[in-house]
Amino acid sequence: MPFLSISGLASLTGKARGTVGKALDGLTSKPGPKGAKLFESKAALEKLYSAAGESGGAFVTLAEAQRLLTISRTEEIRLNMEILRKERIPLEDVLEINEEVFLHVAGVLKSHAGKMLTEELVNDIFAQFRRIGEKLEQAAL
């Protein structure tokens, strides 16, 4: 594999010399003529054209990118299986059930503003909160 200097890579890629130098920081090099650093062309070009090399982030090899993609796909499959098995309730359903219960409780409290709450009324409010679990189970089916 041929070795290229920072200047050679800059002229080859059309990128500024400083940009190439920053992108290749941390990549192993060997000394060249006139104090130049020579980089293996394949590794240098891979690092220059990787998304991480452009953004200044950590360099990600192809193998590492494939590993991360596999982990992400595994997580996505696990999530889809939870949804299919009805182990995960959609957020919209949960929010709708909570809103319904809180509106009922708020209506009861507002209708009795300035009045003494009876034990029956307090029990009704707590019963509404206890029904949240039942309603979530029904939504999961």
Protein backbone atom coordinates (compact mmCIF):
# COMPACT_ATOMS: atom_id res chain seq x y z
CA MET A 1 0.00 0.00 0.00
CA PRO A 2 1.51 3.39 -0.92
CA PHE A 3 2.29 5.97 1.73
CA LEU A 4 1.27 9.62 1.31
CA SER A 5 2.15 12.84 3.13
CA ILE A 6 -0.38 15.29 4.53
CA SER A 7 0.30 17.61 1.58
CA GLY A 8 -0.15 14.75 -0.88
CA LEU A 9 -3.44 13.73 0.73
CA ALA A 10 -4.61 17.36 0.75
CA SER A 11 -3.95 17.79 -2.97
CA LEU A 12 -5.44 14.38 -3.76
CA THR A 13 -8.68 14.98 -1.81
CA GLY A 14 -9.05 18.72 -2.34
CA LYS A 15 -9.25 19.31 1.41
CA ALA A 16 -7.24 21.94 3.24
CA ARG A 17 -3.90 20.80 4.65
CA GLY A 18 -4.97 21.73 8.19
CA THR A 19 -8.18 19.74 7.86
CA VAL A 20 -6.25 16.68 6.70
CA GLY A 21 -3.75 17.08 9.53
CA LYS A 22 -6.52 17.25 12.16
CA ALA A 23 -8.37 14.30 10.68
CA LEU A 24 -5.23 12.14 10.67
CA ASP A 25 -4.30 13.01 14.25
CA GLY A 26 -3.66 9.77 16.12
CA LEU A 27 -3.08 7.70 12.99
CA THR A 28 0.32 5.99 12.90
CA SER A 29 2.83 7.45 10.50
CA LYS A 30 6.39 6.90 9.44
CA PRO A 31 9.04 9.56 8.80
CA GLY A 32 9.45 10.71 5.23
CA PRO A 33 11.77 13.02 3.28
CA LYS A 34 12.25 16.56 4.59
CA GLY A 35 10.56 15.72 7.93
CA ALA A 36 7.23 14.79 6.34
CA LYS A 37 4.93 12.31 8.02
CA LEU A 38 3.85 9.53 5.70
CA PHE A 39 0.54 7.75 6.26
CA GLU A 40 -0.71 4.50 4.75
CA SER A 41 -3.04 5.71 1.99
CA LYS A 42 -5.87 3.25 2.63
CA ALA A 43 -6.14 4.02 6.37
CA ALA A 44 -5.69 7.76 5.80
CA LEU A 45 -8.37 7.99 3.11
CA GLU A 46 -10.74 5.85 5.17
CA LYS A 47 -10.31 8.18 8.12
CA LEU A 48 -10.64 11.29 5.95
CA TYR A 49 -13.88 10.16 4.37
CA SER A 50 -15.52 8.59 7.40
CA ALA A 51 -18.33 10.60 9.00
CA ALA A 52 -16.41 10.69 12.29
CA GLY A 53 -13.32 12.03 10.55
CA GLU A 54 -15.35 14.88 9.07
CA SER A 55 -16.99 15.86 12.34
CA GLY A 56 -13.84 15.57 14.41
CA GLY A 57 -15.27 12.72 16.50
CA ALA A 58 -13.69 9.39 17.26
CA PHE A 59 -12.67 7.30 14.29
CA VAL A 60 -14.96 4.33 13.70
CA THR A 61 -13.69 1.39 11.67
CA LEU A 62 -15.94 -0.59 9.36
CA ALA A 63 -15.93 -3.53 11.78
CA GLU A 64 -16.94 -1.28 14.69
CA ALA A 65 -19.70 0.32 12.60
CA GLN A 66 -21.06 -3.14 11.73
CA ARG A 67 -20.93 -4.17 15.40
CA LEU A 68 -22.84 -1.03 16.45
CA LEU A 69 -25.39 -1.63 13.69
CA THR A 70 -25.89 -5.22 14.86
CA ILE A 71 -26.46 -4.04 18.44
CA SER A 72 -28.95 -1.44 17.24
CA ARG A 73 -30.84 -3.97 15.11
CA THR A 74 -30.97 -6.40 18.04
CA GLU A 75 -32.47 -3.70 20.26
CA GLU A 76 -35.00 -2.81 17.56
CA ILE A 77 -36.03 -6.46 17.18
CA ARG A 78 -36.38 -6.84 20.96
CA LEU A 79 -38.58 -3.74 21.11
CA ASN A 80 -40.75 -4.96 18.21
CA MET A 81 -41.18 -8.34 19.92
CA GLU A 82 -42.30 -6.63 23.14
CA ILE A 83 -44.89 -4.70 21.15
CA LEU A 84 -46.11 -7.82 19.33
CA ARG A 85 -46.37 -9.76 22.61
CA LYS A 86 -48.37 -6.84 24.05
CA GLU A 87 -45.78 -6.32 26.80
CA ARG A 88 -45.36 -2.67 25.86
CA ILE A 89 -48.31 -0.29 25.79
CA PRO A 90 -48.17 2.57 23.26
CA LEU A 91 -47.44 5.92 24.89
CA GLU A 92 -50.53 7.51 23.34
CA ASP A 93 -52.78 4.96 25.10
CA VAL A 94 -51.10 5.55 28.45
CA LEU A 95 -51.41 9.32 28.11
CA GLU A 96 -55.07 9.04 27.09
CA ILE A 97 -55.93 6.84 30.11
CA ASN A 98 -54.08 9.14 32.52
CA GLU A 99 -55.78 12.20 31.04
CA GLU A 100 -59.21 10.56 31.41
CA VAL A 101 -58.63 9.71 35.08
CA PHE A 102 -57.18 13.10 35.97
CA LEU A 103 -60.03 14.92 34.23
CA HIS A 104 -62.55 12.86 36.22
CA VAL A 105 -60.76 13.58 39.51
CA ALA A 106 -60.40 17.27 38.65
CA GLY A 107 -64.12 17.44 37.81
CA VAL A 108 -65.06 15.88 41.13
CA LEU A 109 -62.80 18.22 43.08
CA LYS A 110 -63.98 21.32 41.21
CA SER A 111 -67.64 20.42 41.71
CA HIS A 112 -67.02 20.19 45.46
CA ALA A 113 -64.92 23.34 45.79
CA GLY A 114 -65.51 24.98 49.16
CA LYS A 115 -67.42 21.93 50.42
CA MET A 116 -66.34 19.19 52.77
CA LEU A 117 -65.22 16.02 50.96
CA THR A 118 -67.08 13.00 52.19
CA GLU A 119 -65.44 9.64 52.78
CA GLU A 120 -67.43 8.23 49.87
CA LEU A 121 -66.12 10.95 47.54
CA VAL A 122 -62.50 10.43 48.65
CA ASN A 123 -62.90 6.66 48.10
CA ASP A 124 -64.28 7.35 44.62
CA ILE A 125 -61.22 9.48 43.78
CA PHE A 126 -58.84 6.77 44.99
CA ALA A 127 -60.83 4.14 43.07
CA GLN A 128 -60.27 6.15 39.90
CA PHE A 129 -56.51 6.09 40.48
CA ARG A 130 -56.59 2.34 41.18
CA ARG A 131 -58.43 1.73 37.89
CA ILE A 132 -55.50 3.11 35.90
CA GLY A 133 -53.77 -0.29 36.07
CA GLU A 134 -56.89 -2.14 34.91
CA LYS A 135 -57.37 0.26 32.01
CA LEU A 136 -53.73 -0.13 30.98
CA GLU A 137 -54.11 -3.92 30.97
CA GLN A 138 -57.19 -3.61 28.77
CA ALA A 139 -55.34 -1.28 26.42
CA ALA A 140 -52.54 -3.83 26.08
CA LEU A 141 -54.93 -6.52 24.79
